N, C-alpha and C. Protein backbone atom coordinates (compact mmCIF):
# COMPACT_ATOMS: atom_id res chain seq x y z
N UNK A 1 104.12 102.52 117.21
CA UNK A 1 103.89 103.14 116.01
C UNK A 1 104.56 104.69 115.94
N UNK A 2 105.47 105.00 114.93
CA UNK A 2 106.00 106.20 114.79
C UNK A 2 104.91 107.26 114.56
N UNK A 3 105.17 108.55 114.56
CA UNK A 3 104.16 109.81 114.43
C UNK A 3 103.46 109.47 112.97
N UNK A 4 104.39 109.79 112.18
CA UNK A 4 103.84 109.62 110.77
C UNK A 4 102.95 108.67 110.29
N UNK A 5 103.42 107.31 110.84
CA UNK A 5 102.24 106.20 110.61
C UNK A 5 101.16 106.55 111.21
N UNK A 6 100.86 107.01 112.35
CA UNK A 6 99.48 107.32 113.18
C UNK A 6 98.77 108.07 112.24
N UNK A 7 99.53 109.09 111.54
CA UNK A 7 98.71 110.09 110.23
C UNK A 7 98.24 108.91 109.20
N UNK A 8 99.05 108.03 108.59
CA UNK A 8 98.89 107.36 107.79
C UNK A 8 97.69 106.43 108.10
N UNK A 9 97.60 105.62 109.30
CA UNK A 9 96.66 104.68 109.61
C UNK A 9 95.23 105.52 109.92
N UNK A 10 95.39 106.85 110.00
CA UNK A 10 94.06 107.36 110.05
C UNK A 10 93.48 107.70 108.75
N UNK A 11 94.42 107.90 107.68
CA UNK A 11 94.16 108.23 106.40
C UNK A 11 93.60 106.84 105.70
N UNK A 12 94.24 105.77 106.10
CA UNK A 12 93.89 104.23 105.61
C UNK A 12 92.64 104.00 106.39
N UNK A 13 92.42 104.38 107.63
CA UNK A 13 90.93 103.99 108.01
C UNK A 13 89.65 104.66 107.31
N UNK A 14 89.97 105.88 106.76
CA UNK A 14 89.32 106.58 105.97
C UNK A 14 88.78 105.99 104.78
N UNK A 15 89.57 105.22 104.25
CA UNK A 15 89.03 104.24 103.21
C UNK A 15 88.23 102.89 103.84
N UNK A 16 87.94 102.69 105.00
CA UNK A 16 87.26 101.59 105.32
C UNK A 16 88.03 100.62 105.78
N UNK A 17 89.31 100.70 105.96
CA UNK A 17 90.38 99.77 106.28
C UNK A 17 90.58 99.55 107.66
N UNK A 18 90.44 98.36 108.39
CA UNK A 18 91.04 97.98 109.72
C UNK A 18 92.47 98.06 109.68
N UNK A 19 93.17 98.78 110.69
CA UNK A 19 94.53 99.09 110.48
C UNK A 19 95.21 98.55 111.64
N UNK A 20 96.18 97.82 111.48
CA UNK A 20 97.15 97.39 112.26
C UNK A 20 98.42 97.91 112.08
N UNK A 21 99.06 97.54 113.40
CA UNK A 21 100.52 98.26 113.38
C UNK A 21 101.55 97.15 112.62
N UNK A 22 102.82 97.15 112.63
CA UNK A 22 103.95 96.64 112.20
C UNK A 22 103.71 94.90 112.31
N UNK A 23 104.13 94.21 111.17
CA UNK A 23 104.38 92.85 111.29
C UNK A 23 105.40 92.60 110.42
N UNK A 24 105.99 91.50 110.72
CA UNK A 24 107.22 90.77 110.10
C UNK A 24 106.84 89.56 109.36
N UNK A 25 107.36 89.40 108.20
CA UNK A 25 106.91 88.60 107.43
C UNK A 25 108.33 87.79 107.07
N UNK A 26 108.47 86.13 107.47
CA UNK A 26 109.81 85.65 107.02
C UNK A 26 109.98 85.36 105.30
N UNK A 27 110.91 85.51 105.22
CA UNK A 27 111.39 85.13 103.80
C UNK A 27 112.99 84.38 103.73
N UNK A 28 112.72 83.33 103.00
CA UNK A 28 113.95 82.29 103.33
C UNK A 28 114.68 82.63 101.63
N UNK A 29 115.92 82.93 101.99
CA UNK A 29 116.81 83.30 101.10
C UNK A 29 118.07 82.63 100.90
N UNK A 30 118.62 82.48 99.64
CA UNK A 30 119.92 81.57 99.62
C UNK A 30 120.85 82.90 99.64
N UNK A 31 122.12 82.35 100.53
CA UNK A 31 123.17 83.17 100.59
C UNK A 31 124.17 83.15 99.55
N UNK A 32 125.15 84.01 99.68
CA UNK A 32 126.32 83.98 98.62
C UNK A 32 127.23 83.43 98.48
N UNK A 33 127.09 82.14 99.44
CA UNK A 33 128.09 81.33 99.59
C UNK A 33 128.32 80.43 98.14
N UNK A 34 129.59 80.34 97.74
CA UNK A 34 129.91 79.49 96.30
C UNK A 34 130.13 78.41 96.82
N UNK A 35 130.90 77.97 97.60
CA UNK A 35 131.30 76.57 98.24
C UNK A 35 130.34 75.71 98.45
N UNK A 36 129.16 76.01 99.02
CA UNK A 36 128.25 75.21 99.47
C UNK A 36 126.73 76.35 99.43
N UNK A 37 125.74 75.42 99.24
CA UNK A 37 124.38 76.15 99.19
C UNK A 37 124.13 76.55 100.90
N UNK A 38 123.48 77.39 101.09
CA UNK A 38 123.44 77.86 102.32
C UNK A 38 122.04 78.56 102.31
N UNK A 39 120.99 78.80 103.12
CA UNK A 39 119.70 79.38 103.00
C UNK A 39 119.70 80.38 104.30
N UNK A 40 119.11 81.55 104.28
CA UNK A 40 118.78 82.07 105.69
C UNK A 40 117.27 82.46 105.63
N UNK A 41 116.82 82.70 106.80
CA UNK A 41 115.58 83.33 106.74
C UNK A 41 115.39 84.79 107.40
N UNK A 42 115.02 85.96 106.85
CA UNK A 42 114.99 86.98 107.51
C UNK A 42 113.57 87.48 107.50
N UNK A 43 113.34 88.42 108.43
CA UNK A 43 112.29 88.79 108.56
C UNK A 43 111.88 90.29 108.01
N UNK A 44 110.77 90.43 107.19
CA UNK A 44 110.88 91.81 106.63
C UNK A 44 109.60 92.47 106.83
N UNK A 45 109.78 93.55 107.82
CA UNK A 45 108.59 94.42 108.39
C UNK A 45 107.55 95.20 107.17
N UNK A 46 106.18 94.96 107.73
CA UNK A 46 105.50 95.82 106.76
C UNK A 46 104.74 96.83 107.95
N UNK A 47 105.07 97.98 107.73
CA UNK A 47 104.71 98.96 108.66
C UNK A 47 103.31 99.10 109.13
N UNK A 48 102.45 98.93 108.24
CA UNK A 48 100.70 98.89 108.61
C UNK A 48 100.42 98.06 107.34
N UNK A 49 99.40 97.17 107.99
CA UNK A 49 98.49 96.43 107.57
C UNK A 49 96.77 96.89 107.37
N UNK A 50 96.37 97.03 106.33
CA UNK A 50 95.00 97.75 106.45
C UNK A 50 94.14 96.51 105.78
N UNK A 51 92.91 96.24 105.94
CA UNK A 51 91.99 94.99 105.70
C UNK A 51 90.48 95.55 105.48
N UNK A 52 89.97 94.99 104.44
CA UNK A 52 88.49 94.86 104.50
C UNK A 52 88.22 93.79 103.64
N UNK A 53 87.03 93.75 103.51
CA UNK A 53 86.44 92.49 103.12
C UNK A 53 87.14 92.21 101.55
N UNK A 54 87.39 93.15 100.77
CA UNK A 54 87.58 93.22 99.47
C UNK A 54 89.12 93.42 98.82
N UNK A 55 90.02 93.82 100.16
CA UNK A 55 91.58 94.47 100.29
C UNK A 55 92.32 94.01 100.93
N UNK A 56 93.55 93.83 100.89
CA UNK A 56 94.42 93.83 101.88
C UNK A 56 95.75 94.78 101.49
N UNK A 57 96.08 95.77 102.51
CA UNK A 57 97.14 96.89 102.18
C UNK A 57 98.19 96.61 102.82
N UNK A 58 99.23 96.51 101.94
CA UNK A 58 100.52 96.33 102.97
C UNK A 58 101.10 97.55 102.68
N UNK A 59 101.61 98.39 103.89
CA UNK A 59 101.93 99.92 103.83
C UNK A 59 103.55 100.10 104.05
N UNK A 60 104.36 100.65 103.66
CA UNK A 60 105.84 100.78 103.99
C UNK A 60 105.62 102.45 104.06
N UNK A 61 105.86 102.92 105.51
CA UNK A 61 105.71 104.17 105.68
C UNK A 61 107.35 104.69 106.09
N UNK A 62 107.67 106.05 105.28
CA UNK A 62 108.82 106.39 105.51
C UNK A 62 108.56 108.02 105.63
N UNK A 63 108.71 108.59 107.01
CA UNK A 63 108.65 110.06 107.02
C UNK A 63 109.80 110.94 106.56
N UNK A 64 110.91 110.93 107.10
CA UNK A 64 112.29 111.59 106.73
C UNK A 64 111.96 113.01 107.16
N UNK A 65 111.15 113.48 107.99
CA UNK A 65 110.91 114.93 108.09
C UNK A 65 112.21 115.81 108.32
N UNK A 66 113.21 115.04 108.81
CA UNK A 66 114.10 115.62 109.71
C UNK A 66 115.45 115.41 109.46
N UNK A 67 115.43 114.96 108.00
CA UNK A 67 116.48 114.49 107.40
C UNK A 67 116.45 114.74 105.54
N UNK A 68 117.43 114.32 104.96
CA UNK A 68 117.49 114.67 103.47
C UNK A 68 116.17 114.23 102.64
N UNK A 69 115.25 112.99 103.14
CA UNK A 69 114.21 112.72 102.34
C UNK A 69 114.42 111.38 101.89
N UNK A 70 113.34 110.95 101.26
CA UNK A 70 113.42 109.52 100.70
C UNK A 70 114.30 109.74 99.14
N UNK A 71 115.26 109.06 98.68
CA UNK A 71 115.93 109.02 97.67
C UNK A 71 115.66 108.08 96.75
N UNK A 72 115.50 108.17 95.26
CA UNK A 72 114.97 107.37 94.48
C UNK A 72 116.07 106.05 94.26
N UNK A 73 117.41 106.27 94.23
CA UNK A 73 118.43 105.26 94.20
C UNK A 73 117.92 104.20 95.04
N UNK A 74 117.75 104.75 96.46
CA UNK A 74 117.53 103.78 97.64
C UNK A 74 116.03 103.14 97.36
N UNK A 75 115.34 103.40 97.03
CA UNK A 75 113.94 102.83 96.63
C UNK A 75 113.91 101.76 95.51
N UNK A 76 114.63 102.38 94.30
CA UNK A 76 114.45 101.68 93.19
C UNK A 76 115.73 100.49 93.12
N UNK A 77 116.52 100.63 94.19
CA UNK A 77 117.78 99.44 94.26
C UNK A 77 118.84 99.89 93.58
N UNK A 78 118.94 101.19 92.89
CA UNK A 78 120.11 101.39 91.79
C UNK A 78 121.22 101.53 92.96
N UNK A 79 122.50 101.27 92.16
CA UNK A 79 123.60 101.63 92.98
C UNK A 79 123.77 100.89 94.48
N UNK A 80 123.10 99.56 94.23
CA UNK A 80 123.37 98.76 95.42
C UNK A 80 122.85 99.07 96.84
N UNK A 81 121.45 99.77 96.84
CA UNK A 81 121.02 100.23 98.09
C UNK A 81 119.77 99.46 98.21
N UNK A 82 119.97 98.11 97.76
CA UNK A 82 118.60 97.52 97.68
C UNK A 82 118.07 96.98 99.07
N UNK A 83 118.93 96.81 100.09
CA UNK A 83 118.61 96.35 101.25
C UNK A 83 117.83 97.18 102.11
N UNK A 84 117.81 98.66 101.70
CA UNK A 84 117.07 99.46 102.71
C UNK A 84 115.48 99.40 102.05
N UNK A 85 115.24 99.18 100.96
CA UNK A 85 113.72 99.03 100.50
C UNK A 85 113.61 97.67 99.78
N UNK A 86 114.38 96.71 100.54
CA UNK A 86 113.86 95.29 99.66
C UNK A 86 112.36 94.88 99.75
N UNK A 87 112.15 95.38 100.69
CA UNK A 87 110.64 94.74 100.41
C UNK A 87 109.99 95.51 99.31
N UNK A 88 110.24 96.64 98.62
CA UNK A 88 109.44 97.09 97.58
C UNK A 88 110.51 96.81 96.19
N UNK A 89 111.95 96.81 96.53
CA UNK A 89 112.77 96.60 95.01
C UNK A 89 113.17 95.25 94.82
N UNK A 90 113.08 94.37 95.53
CA UNK A 90 113.50 92.84 95.19
C UNK A 90 112.38 92.12 95.40
N UNK A 91 111.99 91.87 93.92
CA UNK A 91 110.90 90.73 93.53
C UNK A 91 110.73 89.74 94.25
N UNK A 92 111.97 88.85 94.73
CA UNK A 92 111.33 87.60 95.41
C UNK A 92 110.98 88.06 96.69
N UNK A 93 111.57 89.02 97.35
CA UNK A 93 110.85 89.58 98.84
C UNK A 93 109.47 90.14 98.83
N UNK A 94 109.36 90.98 97.65
CA UNK A 94 107.92 91.52 97.87
C UNK A 94 106.93 90.31 97.32
N UNK A 95 107.44 89.42 96.73
CA UNK A 95 106.34 88.50 95.91
C UNK A 95 106.12 87.61 97.16
N UNK A 96 107.21 87.07 98.03
CA UNK A 96 106.93 86.28 99.10
C UNK A 96 105.83 86.80 99.98
N UNK A 97 106.37 87.94 100.36
CA UNK A 97 105.53 88.65 101.53
C UNK A 97 104.07 88.78 100.93
N UNK A 98 103.63 89.46 99.80
CA UNK A 98 102.41 89.39 99.30
C UNK A 98 101.49 87.89 99.44
N UNK A 99 102.28 86.77 98.85
CA UNK A 99 101.72 85.43 99.15
C UNK A 99 101.74 84.91 100.56
N UNK A 100 102.67 85.45 101.54
CA UNK A 100 102.22 84.91 102.74
C UNK A 100 101.21 85.71 103.67
N UNK A 101 101.20 87.30 103.31
CA UNK A 101 100.18 87.97 103.80
C UNK A 101 98.83 87.44 103.39
N UNK A 102 98.72 87.47 101.95
CA UNK A 102 97.36 86.89 101.15
C UNK A 102 96.87 85.54 101.99
N UNK A 103 97.69 84.49 102.26
CA UNK A 103 97.44 83.21 102.55
C UNK A 103 97.14 83.37 104.16
N UNK A 104 97.94 84.40 104.77
CA UNK A 104 97.67 84.35 106.26
C UNK A 104 96.46 85.09 106.68
N UNK A 105 95.96 86.02 105.74
CA UNK A 105 94.78 86.64 106.37
C UNK A 105 93.67 86.20 105.28
N UNK A 106 93.42 85.56 104.64
CA UNK A 106 92.55 84.89 103.76
C UNK A 106 92.34 85.47 102.74
N UNK A 107 93.05 86.07 101.59
CA UNK A 107 92.76 86.78 100.77
C UNK A 107 93.71 86.17 99.39
N UNK A 108 93.36 86.65 98.15
CA UNK A 108 94.07 85.98 97.06
C UNK A 108 95.34 87.19 96.62
N UNK A 109 96.40 86.78 96.55
CA UNK A 109 97.14 87.65 96.13
C UNK A 109 96.95 88.80 95.28
N UNK A 110 96.06 88.48 94.26
CA UNK A 110 95.43 89.74 93.17
C UNK A 110 94.55 90.86 94.23
N UNK A 111 94.42 90.48 95.42
CA UNK A 111 93.45 91.51 96.14
C UNK A 111 94.73 92.15 97.23
N UNK A 112 95.79 91.95 97.01
CA UNK A 112 96.68 92.70 97.83
C UNK A 112 97.51 93.89 97.40
N UNK A 113 97.34 94.91 97.87
CA UNK A 113 97.94 96.25 97.64
C UNK A 113 99.00 96.49 98.10
N UNK A 114 100.10 96.96 97.53
CA UNK A 114 101.37 97.56 98.21
C UNK A 114 101.64 98.80 98.18
N UNK A 115 101.80 99.61 99.14
CA UNK A 115 101.78 100.88 99.18
C UNK A 115 103.11 101.51 99.70
N UNK A 116 103.74 102.70 99.19
CA UNK A 116 104.68 103.43 99.87
C UNK A 116 104.02 104.93 100.20
N UNK A 117 104.35 104.86 101.18
CA UNK A 117 103.87 106.36 102.31
C UNK A 117 105.32 107.16 102.49
N UNK A 118 104.95 108.35 101.47
CA UNK A 118 106.28 108.99 101.86
C UNK A 118 105.85 110.61 102.58
N UNK A 119 106.66 110.73 103.72
CA UNK A 119 106.42 112.08 104.19
C UNK A 119 107.48 113.07 103.78
N UNK A 120 108.70 112.90 103.09
CA UNK A 120 109.32 113.79 102.50
C UNK A 120 110.37 113.01 101.55
N UNK A 121 110.27 113.57 100.58
CA UNK A 121 111.30 113.20 99.14
C UNK A 121 112.29 113.86 99.14
N UNK A 122 113.50 113.54 98.83
CA UNK A 122 114.75 114.36 98.80
C UNK A 122 114.60 115.37 97.57
N UNK A 123 115.23 116.31 97.74
CA UNK A 123 115.03 117.52 96.25
C UNK A 123 115.25 116.74 95.19
N UNK A 124 115.38 117.67 94.18
CA UNK A 124 115.43 117.24 92.46
C UNK A 124 114.53 116.47 92.10
N UNK A 125 114.86 115.65 91.27
CA UNK A 125 113.79 114.81 90.58
C UNK A 125 113.55 113.35 91.25
N UNK A 126 113.89 113.16 92.52
CA UNK A 126 113.90 112.17 93.23
C UNK A 126 112.34 111.84 93.38
N UNK A 127 111.42 112.37 93.60
CA UNK A 127 109.79 112.26 93.65
C UNK A 127 109.57 111.72 92.57
N UNK A 128 109.63 112.43 91.23
CA UNK A 128 109.69 111.82 90.13
C UNK A 128 109.94 110.37 89.62
N UNK A 129 111.12 110.54 89.94
CA UNK A 129 111.86 109.06 89.82
C UNK A 129 111.15 107.74 90.59
N UNK A 130 110.85 108.15 91.76
CA UNK A 130 110.16 106.87 92.54
C UNK A 130 108.65 106.87 91.87
N UNK A 131 108.07 107.68 91.73
CA UNK A 131 106.60 107.47 91.40
C UNK A 131 106.78 106.90 89.75
N UNK A 132 107.49 107.00 89.06
CA UNK A 132 107.75 106.93 87.53
C UNK A 132 108.09 105.00 87.79
N UNK A 133 109.22 104.81 88.58
CA UNK A 133 109.51 103.59 88.93
C UNK A 133 108.11 102.53 89.43
N UNK A 134 107.57 103.26 90.80
CA UNK A 134 106.71 102.71 91.37
C UNK A 134 105.59 102.20 90.21
N UNK A 135 105.23 103.40 89.12
CA UNK A 135 104.29 103.01 88.33
C UNK A 135 104.35 101.49 87.45
N UNK A 136 105.75 101.19 87.27
CA UNK A 136 105.85 99.94 86.34
C UNK A 136 106.06 98.77 87.45
N UNK A 137 106.06 98.91 88.66
CA UNK A 137 106.23 97.56 89.62
C UNK A 137 104.88 96.92 89.96
N UNK A 138 104.64 95.81 89.34
CA UNK A 138 103.17 95.49 89.30
C UNK A 138 103.36 94.32 90.32
N UNK A 139 102.92 94.61 91.54
CA UNK A 139 102.83 93.79 92.81
C UNK A 139 101.37 93.46 93.29
N UNK A 140 101.09 92.05 93.53
CA UNK A 140 99.54 91.79 93.76
C UNK A 140 98.71 92.36 93.12
N UNK A 141 97.84 93.42 93.72
CA UNK A 141 96.72 93.97 92.59
C UNK A 141 96.99 94.93 91.46
N UNK A 142 98.31 95.49 91.34
CA UNK A 142 98.68 96.59 90.56
C UNK A 142 99.77 97.05 91.04
N UNK A 143 100.13 98.42 90.20
CA UNK A 143 101.35 98.98 90.55
C UNK A 143 101.51 99.36 91.70
N UNK A 144 102.60 99.62 92.14
CA UNK A 144 103.09 100.12 93.54
C UNK A 144 102.63 101.46 94.12
N UNK A 145 101.67 101.67 94.71
CA UNK A 145 101.19 103.15 94.91
C UNK A 145 102.27 103.78 95.80
N UNK A 146 101.91 105.18 95.47
CA UNK A 146 103.23 105.91 96.37
C UNK A 146 102.03 107.32 96.58
N UNK A 147 102.08 107.29 97.74
CA UNK A 147 101.21 108.66 98.37
C UNK A 147 102.13 109.31 99.22
N UNK A 148 102.15 110.62 98.73
CA UNK A 148 102.70 111.68 99.77
C UNK A 148 102.06 112.18 100.90
N UNK A 149 102.83 112.87 101.91
CA UNK A 149 102.26 113.45 103.07
C UNK A 149 101.17 114.62 102.98
N UNK A 150 101.00 115.31 101.57
CA UNK A 150 100.23 116.25 101.50
C UNK A 150 98.63 115.45 101.21
N UNK A 151 98.77 114.44 100.44
CA UNK A 151 97.62 113.59 100.35
C UNK A 151 97.00 113.02 101.72
N UNK A 152 98.18 112.55 102.60
CA UNK A 152 97.51 111.84 104.13
C UNK A 152 96.95 112.90 104.88
N UNK A 153 97.73 114.07 104.71
CA UNK A 153 97.22 115.32 105.59
C UNK A 153 95.79 115.73 105.30
N UNK A 154 95.61 115.84 104.01
CA UNK A 154 94.74 116.06 103.38
C UNK A 154 93.18 115.46 103.65
N UNK A 155 93.57 113.92 104.01
CA UNK A 155 92.62 113.09 104.21
C UNK A 155 92.20 113.04 105.85
N UNK A 156 93.43 113.14 106.43
CA UNK A 156 93.15 113.26 108.29
C UNK A 156 92.58 114.67 108.48
N UNK A 157 92.87 115.70 107.75
CA UNK A 157 92.06 116.90 107.98
C UNK A 157 90.55 116.75 107.60
N UNK A 158 90.06 115.93 106.80
CA UNK A 158 88.43 115.85 106.39
C UNK A 158 88.11 115.02 107.57
N UNK A 159 88.96 113.95 108.01
CA UNK A 159 88.46 113.18 109.28
C UNK A 159 88.25 114.06 110.48
N UNK A 160 89.43 114.89 110.65
CA UNK A 160 89.44 115.91 111.94
C UNK A 160 88.22 116.94 111.75
N UNK A 161 87.56 117.14 110.58
CA UNK A 161 86.64 118.17 110.51
C UNK A 161 85.40 117.60 111.10
N UNK A 162 85.14 116.48 111.13
CA UNK A 162 84.13 115.78 111.78
C UNK A 162 83.92 115.87 113.19
N UNK A 163 82.52 116.22 113.36
CA UNK A 163 82.35 116.65 114.95
C UNK A 163 82.21 115.34 115.98
N UNK A 164 82.20 114.02 115.25
CA UNK A 164 82.05 112.88 116.18
C UNK A 164 83.21 112.88 117.18
N UNK A 165 83.31 112.69 118.28
CA UNK A 165 84.39 112.35 119.04
C UNK A 165 84.98 111.37 118.77
N UNK A 166 86.48 111.16 118.59
CA UNK A 166 87.13 109.83 118.73
C UNK A 166 88.57 110.37 119.41
N UNK A 167 88.64 109.49 120.34
CA UNK A 167 90.02 109.48 121.21
C UNK A 167 91.15 109.12 120.38
N UNK A 168 91.89 110.03 119.68
CA UNK A 168 93.23 109.82 119.06
C UNK A 168 94.09 110.80 119.04
N UNK A 169 95.27 110.75 119.37
CA UNK A 169 96.21 111.89 119.74
C UNK A 169 96.45 112.55 118.27
N UNK A 170 96.24 112.02 116.89
CA UNK A 170 96.31 112.74 115.57
C UNK A 170 95.25 113.65 115.34
N UNK A 171 93.72 113.01 115.59
CA UNK A 171 92.74 114.03 115.41
C UNK A 171 92.80 114.87 116.43
N UNK A 172 93.20 114.90 117.77
CA UNK A 172 93.02 115.74 118.74
C UNK A 172 94.20 116.68 118.49
N UNK A 173 95.07 116.50 118.19
CA UNK A 173 96.23 117.35 117.47
C UNK A 173 95.74 118.26 116.41
N UNK A 174 95.12 117.82 115.54
CA UNK A 174 94.39 118.31 114.43
C UNK A 174 93.44 119.35 115.05
N UNK A 175 92.60 119.20 115.79
CA UNK A 175 91.44 119.82 116.59
C UNK A 175 92.08 121.15 117.29
N UNK A 176 93.29 120.84 117.64
CA UNK A 176 93.80 121.78 118.61
C UNK A 176 94.28 122.96 117.90
N UNK A 177 95.40 122.25 116.76
CA UNK A 177 95.66 123.30 115.81
C UNK A 177 94.49 124.16 115.22
N UNK A 178 93.75 123.51 114.57
CA UNK A 178 92.56 124.18 113.74
C UNK A 178 91.60 125.35 115.01
N UNK A 179 91.47 124.79 116.21
CA UNK A 179 90.78 125.60 117.00
C UNK A 179 91.65 126.90 117.48
N UNK A 180 92.97 126.73 117.51
CA UNK A 180 93.84 127.85 117.58
C UNK A 180 94.33 128.63 116.66
N UNK A 181 93.70 128.34 115.47
CA UNK A 181 94.13 129.37 114.36
C UNK A 181 95.46 128.98 113.80
N UNK A 182 95.98 127.83 114.14
CA UNK A 182 97.04 127.54 113.64
C UNK A 182 97.46 126.80 112.29
N UNK A 183 96.25 126.31 111.95
CA UNK A 183 96.10 125.54 110.44
C UNK A 183 95.59 126.41 109.52
N UNK A 184 95.90 126.60 108.47
CA UNK A 184 95.24 127.63 107.22
C UNK A 184 93.94 126.94 107.05
N UNK A 185 93.15 127.60 106.62
CA UNK A 185 91.54 127.09 106.50
C UNK A 185 91.70 126.10 104.96
N UNK A 186 90.88 124.97 105.11
CA UNK A 186 90.87 124.36 103.99
C UNK A 186 89.60 125.10 103.00
N UNK A 187 90.10 125.13 101.71
CA UNK A 187 89.38 125.65 100.76
C UNK A 187 88.98 124.38 99.87
N UNK A 188 87.66 124.29 99.62
CA UNK A 188 87.28 123.32 98.86
C UNK A 188 87.61 123.39 97.14
N UNK A 189 87.06 122.55 96.46
CA UNK A 189 87.22 122.67 95.15
C UNK A 189 86.40 123.87 94.63
N UNK A 190 85.37 123.93 95.19
CA UNK A 190 84.30 125.18 94.72
C UNK A 190 84.78 126.32 95.35
N UNK A 191 85.97 126.46 95.96
CA UNK A 191 86.40 127.57 96.60
C UNK A 191 85.72 128.26 98.08
N UNK A 192 84.93 127.03 98.62
CA UNK A 192 84.17 127.75 99.93
C UNK A 192 85.43 126.87 100.98
N UNK A 193 85.16 128.02 101.79
CA UNK A 193 86.20 127.76 102.99
C UNK A 193 85.50 126.87 104.02
N UNK A 194 86.31 126.02 104.42
CA UNK A 194 85.69 124.79 105.19
C UNK A 194 86.24 124.75 106.46
């Protein structure tokens, strides 16, 4: 599990989800051969899976902290970039994955939620375009949820503020940074410093 995925996993656990690492789901698709019918099976990877009695969450996680960031055309499939985010922007792939995951784990498709966690968006209007497009993509239980790094870190900081010990590298890092004064204090909505 890559580093940002560990942050996301903690944030998902804070929702009461049991979280596992990446799983691949097979999708059978017809090739572009015109002379004859040919089918191939490809594995599409879901980065994190979260489950509780009423919900199954399939999470795609893209950090891109050391690069340009998540680009709207890539996510939406505009300009031929569909394969990079096929799990999100190709309806036959995402529907097959949702239905297969629901069946495998004992959920109904309308209990499956698909999410895109983004560490860094590319500049300009990319974030707005991704969020707008995602809000129109009804997958399983509803629209594709887009969660940014700020929301993930806010949740992880709340988890790290608890006094209960837990052996977790991300929590330990947050506690060390807080103890050394390397993190700015969290100010609650009431204005109190936490």
